[in-house]
Structure formats: C-alpha cells, structure tokens
Amino acid sequence: MELLTWARAASALMASGRKETGLNLALRLWKESAGDLEAASLPPRYWSADVRYGISRWCEIHRRNAAYDAALKNAMRPGMRVLDIGSGTGLLALVAARAGAERVYSCEMNPAVADAAREIVELNGYSGKVQILVQALQ
C-alpha cells in the first residue's frame, strides 16, 4: 500500500474516534519513513490536525527524553544512589538506573500513580534497582 493511502487511513481512524489507533499508525509510518522523500513531501492536507499534533508532540517528547538521558549519563558515577522526587511514570528513575545508578529511590504521593510507576519499572526490568516509594498526603 502506498504512503499516501496509509496517511489517509491514519487520519480516517482518528476522525472516526479511534484516535490512539490512528496516531499509532501515523507515528509508525512517520518513524519508518524517516528520510524518505515521499513522506517528507506529503502535503499537510493528507494528515489530519490530530495526526500532525500527535507527531509534533512525539518529537518534543523524544527530544526531551534524549536530553534527560544525556544529562543523567553525564552526571552519573559508579555506585551512586539517586533520589527522585515526584515519580510520575518513573521515567527519570528508569533513566538514572539505565545510566548506571546503583540504586534509585523514587517518591510519589499519589498511590495510583505509584502503582503505575512500579508496573512500568518492572516491565522494563529495573525492579531490582528502582524502588517506588509512596506516601499519600493526609
């Protein structure tokens, strides 16, 4: 199937209410066609506003995460222990562990968010290095 057809399919999925599926298709297409002149030359009218927004957000997030990764790799020394305040999804705790931290303690005050962060840490294979601590405000 040609690129233009895939772009239209992604936009149609998003327009029909299947935003996540459409955006995933668009991101996959965009990533796989990086450097492809045909993809770069597709006029914006072939991409819905939601797809264009999703791709721009993905690019911003990718650049931000790459910057976090580079900064922590530069700062990390063997044997370091890290304290992460405000775990959120556990992203920075994972980046610190991957950069070489011996142990990462990550604090989160929302129990539901802490549970999600623990699951993400476990799925990424870092539950031996990263501990998500929770203390809900009373």
Protein backbone atom coordinates (compact mmCIF):
# COMPACT_ATOMS: atom_id res chain seq x y z
CA MET A 1 0.00 0.00 0.00
CA GLU A 2 1.40 3.39 -0.87
CA LEU A 3 2.36 6.00 1.68
CA LEU A 4 -0.48 8.36 0.81
CA THR A 5 -3.04 5.62 1.46
CA TRP A 6 -1.53 4.92 4.88
CA ALA A 7 -1.58 8.63 5.74
CA ARG A 8 -5.25 8.86 4.77
CA ALA A 9 -6.01 5.70 6.79
CA ALA A 10 -4.38 7.16 9.90
CA SER A 11 -6.35 10.39 9.54
CA ALA A 12 -9.61 8.48 8.93
CA LEU A 13 -9.09 6.33 12.02
CA MET A 14 -8.60 9.42 14.16
CA ALA A 15 -11.63 11.16 12.62
CA SER A 16 -13.80 8.12 13.38
CA GLY A 17 -12.95 8.28 17.09
CA ARG A 18 -10.14 5.72 17.07
CA LYS A 19 -7.53 8.35 17.88
CA GLU A 20 -4.99 6.12 19.57
CA THR A 21 -5.01 3.57 16.75
CA GLY A 22 -4.77 6.30 14.10
CA LEU A 23 -1.98 8.10 15.89
CA ASN A 24 -0.04 4.86 16.41
CA LEU A 25 -0.33 4.12 12.70
CA ALA A 26 0.79 7.65 11.80
CA LEU A 27 3.75 7.53 14.20
CA ARG A 28 4.82 4.15 12.86
CA LEU A 29 4.58 5.41 9.31
CA TRP A 30 6.48 8.58 10.18
CA LYS A 31 9.26 6.70 12.01
CA GLU A 32 9.64 4.02 9.34
CA SER A 33 9.79 6.59 6.55
CA ALA A 34 12.31 8.91 8.22
CA GLY A 35 14.43 10.37 5.50
CA ASP A 36 12.03 9.17 2.81
CA LEU A 37 11.46 11.98 0.32
CA GLU A 38 7.93 10.78 -0.42
CA ALA A 39 6.97 11.02 3.27
CA ALA A 40 8.64 14.38 3.69
CA SER A 41 6.85 15.75 0.66
CA LEU A 42 3.32 14.71 1.65
CA PRO A 43 1.28 17.90 1.83
CA PRO A 44 -0.16 18.68 5.28
CA ARG A 45 -3.71 18.21 3.93
CA TYR A 46 -3.10 14.44 3.90
CA TRP A 47 -2.52 14.42 7.64
CA SER A 48 -5.34 15.38 9.97
CA ALA A 49 -4.68 18.10 12.53
CA ASP A 50 -4.73 15.41 15.25
CA VAL A 51 -2.05 13.39 13.44
CA ARG A 52 0.15 16.45 12.89
CA TYR A 53 -0.27 17.43 16.56
CA GLY A 54 0.48 13.87 17.73
CA ILE A 55 3.64 13.63 15.64
CA SER A 56 4.86 17.03 16.83
CA ARG A 57 4.21 16.03 20.49
CA TRP A 58 6.02 12.72 19.93
CA CYS A 59 9.02 14.62 18.53
CA GLU A 60 9.05 17.01 21.50
CA ILE A 61 8.82 14.15 23.99
CA HIS A 62 11.53 12.18 22.17
CA ARG A 63 13.91 15.18 22.23
CA ARG A 64 13.14 15.88 25.89
CA ASN A 65 13.75 12.26 26.91
CA ALA A 66 17.01 12.15 24.93
CA ALA A 67 18.14 15.29 26.80
CA TYR A 68 17.29 13.68 30.18
CA ASP A 69 19.19 10.56 29.15
CA ALA A 70 22.29 12.51 28.09
CA ALA A 71 22.28 14.68 31.23
CA LEU A 72 21.97 11.75 33.62
CA LYS A 73 24.61 9.71 31.77
CA ASN A 74 26.95 12.69 32.11
CA ALA A 75 26.22 13.15 35.83
CA MET A 76 26.11 9.50 36.93
CA ARG A 77 29.13 7.95 38.63
CA PRO A 78 29.56 4.28 39.62
CA GLY A 79 27.90 3.41 42.91
CA MET A 80 25.68 6.50 43.04
CA ARG A 81 22.32 6.36 44.74
CA VAL A 82 19.60 8.61 43.35
CA LEU A 83 16.56 10.20 44.98
CA ASP A 84 13.78 11.09 42.53
CA ILE A 85 11.06 13.31 43.98
CA GLY A 86 7.74 13.00 42.17
CA SER A 87 7.96 9.69 40.32
CA GLY A 88 5.15 10.23 37.86
CA THR A 89 5.54 7.35 35.40
CA GLY A 90 9.03 6.59 36.74
CA LEU A 91 10.76 7.88 33.61
CA LEU A 92 13.64 9.68 35.33
CA ALA A 93 14.12 6.83 37.80
CA LEU A 94 14.46 4.43 34.86
CA VAL A 95 16.83 6.76 33.03
CA ALA A 96 19.00 7.06 36.15
CA ALA A 97 19.08 3.27 36.60
CA ARG A 98 19.95 2.78 32.93
CA ALA A 99 22.68 5.43 33.25
CA GLY A 100 24.37 3.36 35.96
CA ALA A 101 22.87 4.32 39.32
CA GLU A 102 23.42 1.57 41.87
CA ARG A 103 20.01 2.24 43.42
CA VAL A 104 17.17 4.69 42.72
CA TYR A 105 14.58 5.71 45.30
CA SER A 106 11.64 7.43 43.68
CA CYS A 107 8.92 9.10 45.77
CA GLU A 108 5.31 9.55 44.63
CA MET A 109 2.44 10.88 46.73
CA ASN A 110 -0.41 9.51 44.57
CA PRO A 111 -0.86 5.78 45.28
CA ALA A 112 -2.42 5.04 41.88
CA VAL A 113 0.43 6.80 40.05
CA ALA A 114 2.98 4.97 42.24
CA ASP A 115 1.37 1.63 41.34
CA ALA A 116 1.59 2.50 37.64
CA ALA A 117 5.25 3.56 38.03
CA ARG A 118 6.06 0.28 39.79
CA GLU A 119 4.50 -1.66 36.94
CA ILE A 120 6.45 0.36 34.35
CA VAL A 121 9.70 -0.18 36.27
CA GLU A 122 9.02 -3.92 36.47
CA LEU A 123 8.10 -4.17 32.77
CA ASN A 124 11.41 -2.51 31.92
CA GLY A 125 13.38 -4.94 34.09
CA TYR A 126 14.62 -2.46 36.71
CA SER A 127 12.67 -3.52 39.82
CA GLY A 128 15.96 -4.67 41.36
CA LYS A 129 17.44 -1.17 41.12
CA VAL A 130 14.43 1.17 41.33
CA GLN A 131 12.15 1.39 44.33
CA ILE A 132 8.97 3.46 44.07
CA LEU A 133 8.00 4.81 47.49
CA VAL A 134 4.53 6.19 48.19
CA GLN A 135 3.37 8.47 50.96
CA ALA A 136 -0.06 9.92 50.34
CA LEU A 137 -0.75 13.30 51.91
CA GLN A 138 -3.06 13.01 54.89
